[in-house]
Amino acid sequence: EFGVLSFASIASYAAFTLSLTQWRTKFRVQMNKADNAAGNRAVDSLINYETVKYFSNEKYEGEQYDKYLQKYETASLKTQTSLALLNWGQNAIFSVALASIMMLATKEIVA
């Protein structure tokens, strides 16, 4: 019984982790793309600061950079939330398995 319970907990832990990691990969990719886009926008604006100043486009460049940062923030929030869900699920599986094994051990001791 202990072996079956241990195997079942390891299998469910692995299946849960793999499926959720595969699901949350798209959020991580979106976050990386948004981070790269924001960084590229900032570098482009800073390299061409003379042109930006010449045409008085500081406000426009700032607004555009804010849009990129907002996309990054949204993607980052999804990434962190999905990571929290992954950690919670893993802890739940581990805790249920541990409690079940302890109950089984207690039952065997009493018997």
C-alpha atoms as a PDB file:
ATOM      1  CA  GLU A   1       0.000   0.000   0.000  1.00  0.00           C
ATOM      2  CA  PHE A   2       2.836   2.366   0.816  1.00  0.00           C
ATOM      3  CA  GLY A   3       4.479   1.735  -2.539  1.00  0.00           C
ATOM      4  CA  VAL A   4       1.250   2.246  -4.471  1.00  0.00           C
ATOM      5  CA  LEU A   5       0.531   5.457  -2.605  1.00  0.00           C
ATOM      6  CA  SER A   6       4.081   6.717  -3.141  1.00  0.00           C
ATOM      7  CA  PHE A   7       3.998   5.863  -6.837  1.00  0.00           C
ATOM      8  CA  ALA A   8       0.585   7.504  -7.276  1.00  0.00           C
ATOM      9  CA  SER A   9       1.738  10.683  -5.569  1.00  0.00           C
ATOM     10  CA  ILE A  10       4.917  10.872  -7.667  1.00  0.00           C
ATOM     11  CA  ALA A  11       2.945  10.231 -10.858  1.00  0.00           C
ATOM     12  CA  SER A  12       0.312  12.850 -10.045  1.00  0.00           C
ATOM     13  CA  TYR A  13       3.007  15.358  -9.028  1.00  0.00           C
ATOM     14  CA  ALA A  14       4.875  14.824 -12.289  1.00  0.00           C
ATOM     15  CA  ALA A  15       1.737  14.944 -14.444  1.00  0.00           C
ATOM     16  CA  PHE A  16       0.494  18.105 -12.723  1.00  0.00           C
ATOM     17  CA  THR A  17       3.876  19.810 -12.979  1.00  0.00           C
ATOM     18  CA  LEU A  18       4.388  18.952 -16.645  1.00  0.00           C
ATOM     19  CA  SER A  19       0.884  19.938 -17.719  1.00  0.00           C
ATOM     20  CA  LEU A  20       0.875  23.233 -15.828  1.00  0.00           C
ATOM     21  CA  THR A  21       4.407  24.092 -16.942  1.00  0.00           C
ATOM     22  CA  GLN A  22       3.441  23.484 -20.539  1.00  0.00           C
ATOM     23  CA  TRP A  23       0.339  25.680 -20.082  1.00  0.00           C
ATOM     24  CA  ARG A  24       2.234  28.534 -18.440  1.00  0.00           C
ATOM     25  CA  THR A  25       5.071  28.567 -20.983  1.00  0.00           C
ATOM     26  CA  LYS A  26       3.018  30.825 -23.270  1.00  0.00           C
ATOM     27  CA  PHE A  27       2.776  33.423 -20.500  1.00  0.00           C
ATOM     28  CA  ARG A  28       6.527  33.365 -19.998  1.00  0.00           C
ATOM     29  CA  VAL A  29       7.112  33.767 -23.745  1.00  0.00           C
ATOM     30  CA  GLN A  30       4.716  36.741 -23.833  1.00  0.00           C
ATOM     31  CA  MET A  31       6.508  38.302 -20.870  1.00  0.00           C
ATOM     32  CA  ASN A  32       9.916  37.890 -22.517  1.00  0.00           C
ATOM     33  CA  LYS A  33       8.649  39.396 -25.774  1.00  0.00           C
ATOM     34  CA  ALA A  34       7.106  42.344 -23.943  1.00  0.00           C
ATOM     35  CA  ASP A  35      10.313  42.885 -21.968  1.00  0.00           C
ATOM     36  CA  ASN A  36      12.396  42.831 -25.144  1.00  0.00           C
ATOM     37  CA  ALA A  37      10.013  45.230 -26.890  1.00  0.00           C
ATOM     38  CA  ALA A  38      10.103  47.682 -23.971  1.00  0.00           C
ATOM     39  CA  GLY A  39      13.878  47.507 -23.805  1.00  0.00           C
ATOM     40  CA  ASN A  40      14.211  48.010 -27.543  1.00  0.00           C
ATOM     41  CA  ARG A  41      11.860  50.990 -27.412  1.00  0.00           C
ATOM     42  CA  ALA A  42      13.824  52.579 -24.593  1.00  0.00           C
ATOM     43  CA  VAL A  43      17.175  52.028 -26.318  1.00  0.00           C
ATOM     44  CA  ASP A  44      15.834  53.345 -29.619  1.00  0.00           C
ATOM     45  CA  SER A  45      14.484  56.475 -27.963  1.00  0.00           C
ATOM     46  CA  LEU A  46      17.699  57.081 -26.045  1.00  0.00           C
ATOM     47  CA  ILE A  47      19.960  56.524 -29.036  1.00  0.00           C
ATOM     48  CA  ASN A  48      17.874  58.935 -31.101  1.00  0.00           C
ATOM     49  CA  TYR A  49      17.313  61.441 -28.322  1.00  0.00           C
ATOM     50  CA  GLU A  50      18.479  64.348 -30.502  1.00  0.00           C
ATOM     51  CA  THR A  51      15.765  63.615 -33.050  1.00  0.00           C
ATOM     52  CA  VAL A  52      13.174  63.215 -30.307  1.00  0.00           C
ATOM     53  CA  LYS A  53      14.206  66.575 -28.808  1.00  0.00           C
ATOM     54  CA  TYR A  54      14.300  68.251 -32.210  1.00  0.00           C
ATOM     55  CA  PHE A  55      10.693  67.301 -32.939  1.00  0.00           C
ATOM     56  CA  SER A  56       9.558  67.772 -29.302  1.00  0.00           C
ATOM     57  CA  ASN A  57       8.338  64.181 -29.102  1.00  0.00           C
ATOM     58  CA  GLU A  58       9.327  63.471 -25.510  1.00  0.00           C
ATOM     59  CA  LYS A  59       5.709  63.079 -24.428  1.00  0.00           C
ATOM     60  CA  TYR A  60       4.913  60.755 -27.333  1.00  0.00           C
ATOM     61  CA  GLU A  61       7.971  58.594 -26.689  1.00  0.00           C
ATOM     62  CA  GLY A  62       7.094  58.442 -22.997  1.00  0.00           C
ATOM     63  CA  GLU A  63       3.544  57.345 -23.795  1.00  0.00           C
ATOM     64  CA  GLN A  64       4.762  54.679 -26.190  1.00  0.00           C
ATOM     65  CA  TYR A  65       7.213  53.372 -23.615  1.00  0.00           C
ATOM     66  CA  ASP A  66       4.418  53.288 -21.026  1.00  0.00           C
ATOM     67  CA  LYS A  67       2.328  51.152 -23.390  1.00  0.00           C
ATOM     68  CA  TYR A  68       5.171  48.663 -23.703  1.00  0.00           C
ATOM     69  CA  LEU A  69       5.657  48.622 -19.955  1.00  0.00           C
ATOM     70  CA  GLN A  70       1.941  48.026 -19.434  1.00  0.00           C
ATOM     71  CA  LYS A  71       2.089  44.996 -21.741  1.00  0.00           C
ATOM     72  CA  TYR A  72       5.088  43.725 -19.797  1.00  0.00           C
ATOM     73  CA  GLU A  73       3.311  44.264 -16.492  1.00  0.00           C
ATOM     74  CA  THR A  74       0.250  42.320 -17.659  1.00  0.00           C
ATOM     75  CA  ALA A  75       2.363  39.443 -18.960  1.00  0.00           C
ATOM     76  CA  SER A  76       4.475  39.440 -15.794  1.00  0.00           C
ATOM     77  CA  LEU A  77       1.370  39.279 -13.626  1.00  0.00           C
ATOM     78  CA  LYS A  78       0.073  36.273 -15.580  1.00  0.00           C
ATOM     79  CA  THR A  79       3.452  34.584 -15.247  1.00  0.00           C
ATOM     80  CA  GLN A  80       3.632  35.138 -11.497  1.00  0.00           C
ATOM     81  CA  THR A  81       0.021  34.056 -10.957  1.00  0.00           C
ATOM     82  CA  SER A  82       0.500  30.865 -12.933  1.00  0.00           C
ATOM     83  CA  LEU A  83       3.708  30.157 -11.009  1.00  0.00           C
ATOM     84  CA  ALA A  84       1.840  30.610  -7.729  1.00  0.00           C
ATOM     85  CA  LEU A  85      -0.823  28.177  -8.962  1.00  0.00           C
ATOM     86  CA  LEU A  86       1.878  25.671  -9.897  1.00  0.00           C
ATOM     87  CA  ASN A  87       3.529  25.945  -6.484  1.00  0.00           C
ATOM     88  CA  TRP A  88       0.204  25.685  -4.677  1.00  0.00           C
ATOM     89  CA  GLY A  89      -0.764  22.556  -6.628  1.00  0.00           C
ATOM     90  CA  GLN A  90       2.586  20.921  -6.031  1.00  0.00           C
ATOM     91  CA  ASN A  91       2.371  21.645  -2.308  1.00  0.00           C
ATOM     92  CA  ALA A  92      -1.185  20.334  -2.181  1.00  0.00           C
ATOM     93  CA  ILE A  93      -0.233  17.062  -3.885  1.00  0.00           C
ATOM     94  CA  PHE A  94       2.775  16.630  -1.609  1.00  0.00           C
ATOM     95  CA  SER A  95       0.766  17.430   1.535  1.00  0.00           C
ATOM     96  CA  VAL A  96      -2.082  15.063   0.670  1.00  0.00           C
ATOM     97  CA  ALA A  97       0.382  12.288  -0.126  1.00  0.00           C
ATOM     98  CA  LEU A  98       2.291  12.852   3.107  1.00  0.00           C
ATOM     99  CA  ALA A  99      -0.884  12.951   5.190  1.00  0.00           C
ATOM    100  CA  SER A 100      -2.162   9.787   3.500  1.00  0.00           C
ATOM    101  CA  ILE A 101       1.076   7.911   4.165  1.00  0.00           C
ATOM    102  CA  MET A 102       1.048   9.079   7.784  1.00  0.00           C
ATOM    103  CA  MET A 103      -2.551   7.907   8.199  1.00  0.00           C
ATOM    104  CA  LEU A 104      -1.682   4.571   6.613  1.00  0.00           C
ATOM    105  CA  ALA A 105       1.324   4.214   8.917  1.00  0.00           C
ATOM    106  CA  THR A 106      -0.852   5.072  11.935  1.00  0.00           C
ATOM    107  CA  LYS A 107      -3.394   2.469  10.883  1.00  0.00           C
ATOM    108  CA  GLU A 108      -0.646  -0.143  10.600  1.00  0.00           C
ATOM    109  CA  ILE A 109       0.781   0.781  14.011  1.00  0.00           C
ATOM    110  CA  VAL A 110      -2.633   0.515  15.656  1.00  0.00           C
ATOM    111  CA  ALA A 111      -3.256  -2.841  13.967  1.00  0.00           C
END
